[in-house]
């Protein structure tokens, strides 16, 4: 599958999961978004099997915390955004892998690993998929396969 096809399937999976799970509507930005402005949740998920690689997701911490509130996630307040980011990527990966590789390709998803990083450590552009919510919140995904 080409990089463009990965980007398209990532965008579709991300958009669908946001809409179905959290009633958040997002679309591709009109142009490059540049640098991140606030703390960012970085989530990495490795996959292996017939195909291997990893997915990395970046989302604004404030957006992740808003999702946690809307989804009524409970737990320590300082880690809710991180937990939501990890679960979100897990759901996206489960939807994306069969779309990207086909339903007969066996892919094992590892547990996602998430942490909060300063905005300047998050890549500015060049992701496989980048969306902006109807409230201006940013989320990006990239794949290395």
Protein backbone atom coordinates (compact mmCIF):
# COMPACT_ATOMS: atom_id res chain seq x y z
CA UNK A 1 0.00 0.00 0.00
CA UNK A 2 1.33 3.45 -0.85
CA UNK A 3 1.94 6.22 1.66
CA UNK A 4 -1.05 8.11 0.23
CA UNK A 5 -3.28 5.08 0.69
CA UNK A 6 -2.06 4.69 4.30
CA UNK A 7 -2.81 8.38 4.89
CA UNK A 8 -6.29 8.04 3.45
CA UNK A 9 -7.13 4.93 5.48
CA UNK A 10 -5.70 6.56 8.64
CA UNK A 11 -7.83 9.68 8.07
CA UNK A 12 -10.95 7.59 7.51
CA UNK A 13 -10.36 5.42 10.59
CA UNK A 14 -9.54 8.40 12.80
CA UNK A 15 -12.54 10.41 11.65
CA UNK A 16 -14.92 7.49 12.05
CA UNK A 17 -13.71 6.59 15.55
CA UNK A 18 -13.96 10.21 16.72
CA UNK A 19 -17.50 10.50 15.35
CA UNK A 20 -18.75 7.11 16.56
CA UNK A 21 -17.10 7.03 19.99
CA UNK A 22 -17.07 10.66 21.03
CA UNK A 23 -19.42 12.53 18.67
CA UNK A 24 -16.47 14.70 17.60
CA UNK A 25 -16.40 15.83 14.00
CA UNK A 26 -13.04 16.45 12.38
CA UNK A 27 -11.73 17.10 8.90
CA UNK A 28 -8.45 17.64 7.14
CA UNK A 29 -7.00 21.14 7.57
CA UNK A 30 -6.88 23.56 4.64
CA UNK A 31 -3.08 23.71 4.85
CA UNK A 32 -0.10 22.90 7.06
CA UNK A 33 -0.80 23.59 10.71
CA UNK A 34 2.76 24.31 11.81
CA UNK A 35 3.98 23.87 15.35
CA UNK A 36 1.87 22.56 18.23
CA UNK A 37 0.87 25.23 20.74
CA UNK A 38 0.28 23.30 23.97
CA UNK A 39 1.33 20.08 25.67
CA UNK A 40 0.82 17.05 23.47
CA UNK A 41 -0.13 13.47 24.26
CA UNK A 42 2.06 11.10 22.23
CA UNK A 43 0.84 7.52 21.88
CA UNK A 44 2.79 4.74 20.20
CA UNK A 45 1.44 1.33 19.27
CA UNK A 46 3.52 -1.39 17.62
CA UNK A 47 2.00 -4.08 15.44
CA UNK A 48 3.47 -7.34 14.21
CA UNK A 49 2.54 -10.45 12.30
CA UNK A 50 2.13 -10.68 8.52
CA UNK A 51 2.82 -6.93 8.54
CA UNK A 52 4.77 -5.05 11.19
CA UNK A 53 5.47 -1.46 12.11
CA UNK A 54 4.08 1.15 14.43
CA UNK A 55 1.47 3.85 14.66
CA UNK A 56 2.10 7.09 16.48
CA UNK A 57 -0.65 9.51 17.41
CA UNK A 58 -0.32 13.08 18.65
CA UNK A 59 -3.18 15.03 20.14
CA UNK A 60 -3.42 18.19 22.17
CA UNK A 61 -3.58 17.41 25.88
CA UNK A 62 -6.56 19.74 26.35
CA UNK A 63 -8.42 17.85 23.61
CA UNK A 64 -7.63 14.48 25.23
CA UNK A 65 -8.86 15.78 28.59
CA UNK A 66 -12.07 17.07 26.97
CA UNK A 67 -12.62 13.62 25.44
CA UNK A 68 -12.10 12.04 28.86
CA UNK A 69 -14.78 14.29 30.34
CA UNK A 70 -17.24 13.64 27.52
CA UNK A 71 -16.68 9.89 27.68
CA UNK A 72 -16.97 10.01 31.49
CA UNK A 73 -13.63 8.31 32.06
CA UNK A 74 -12.78 7.98 35.73
CA UNK A 75 -9.36 7.91 37.32
CA UNK A 76 -6.57 10.21 38.47
CA UNK A 77 -7.22 13.59 36.89
CA UNK A 78 -3.63 14.17 35.78
CA UNK A 79 -3.55 10.97 33.68
CA UNK A 80 -7.03 10.93 32.11
CA UNK A 81 -5.89 12.48 28.84
CA UNK A 82 -3.07 9.97 28.54
CA UNK A 83 -5.43 7.04 29.18
CA UNK A 84 -7.96 8.32 26.65
CA UNK A 85 -5.21 8.83 24.06
CA UNK A 86 -3.99 5.26 24.51
CA UNK A 87 -7.47 3.78 24.23
CA UNK A 88 -8.31 5.96 21.24
CA UNK A 89 -5.25 4.76 19.30
CA UNK A 90 -6.04 1.16 20.23
CA UNK A 91 -9.53 1.51 18.72
CA UNK A 92 -8.21 3.32 15.64
CA UNK A 93 -5.53 0.67 15.06
CA UNK A 94 -8.10 -2.11 15.29
CA UNK A 95 -10.16 -0.43 12.60
CA UNK A 96 -7.22 0.71 10.46
CA UNK A 97 -5.20 -2.53 10.17
CA UNK A 98 -7.80 -4.56 8.21
CA UNK A 99 -8.58 -1.53 6.03
CA UNK A 100 -4.89 -0.99 5.27
CA UNK A 101 -3.69 -4.57 4.90
CA UNK A 102 -6.84 -6.54 4.07
CA UNK A 103 -9.05 -8.76 6.22
CA UNK A 104 -6.91 -11.89 5.77
CA UNK A 105 -3.65 -10.38 6.97
CA UNK A 106 -2.94 -11.30 10.58
CA UNK A 107 -1.72 -8.37 12.66
CA UNK A 108 -1.14 -8.42 16.42
CA UNK A 109 -1.51 -5.07 18.15
CA UNK A 110 0.70 -4.39 21.17
CA UNK A 111 -0.55 -2.32 24.07
CA UNK A 112 -0.28 1.40 23.38
CA UNK A 113 2.30 3.43 25.28
CA UNK A 114 1.33 7.04 25.99
CA UNK A 115 2.96 10.03 27.60
CA UNK A 116 2.74 13.79 27.68
CA UNK A 117 5.45 15.73 25.84
CA UNK A 118 6.18 19.44 25.41
CA UNK A 119 4.74 20.96 22.23
CA UNK A 120 8.19 21.58 20.76
CA UNK A 121 8.95 17.83 20.80
CA UNK A 122 5.94 16.93 18.64
CA UNK A 123 6.56 16.93 14.88
CA UNK A 124 4.96 19.90 13.14
CA UNK A 125 3.81 18.28 9.87
CA UNK A 126 4.34 15.29 7.65
CA UNK A 127 2.00 12.86 9.34
CA UNK A 128 0.05 10.12 7.65
CA UNK A 129 -3.16 11.85 8.68
CA UNK A 130 -3.91 15.12 10.36
CA UNK A 131 -7.36 16.36 11.34
CA UNK A 132 -8.81 19.37 13.06
CA UNK A 133 -12.03 19.14 15.06
CA UNK A 134 -14.97 21.48 14.65
CA UNK A 135 -13.66 23.23 17.79
CA UNK A 136 -10.18 23.72 16.32
CA UNK A 137 -8.47 20.88 18.21
CA UNK A 138 -5.70 19.02 16.45
CA UNK A 139 -4.93 15.30 16.15
CA UNK A 140 -2.34 13.60 13.95
CA UNK A 141 -1.41 10.03 13.09
CA UNK A 142 1.55 8.55 11.29
CA UNK A 143 2.53 5.02 10.40
CA UNK A 144 5.85 3.35 9.84
CA UNK A 145 5.23 -0.03 8.19
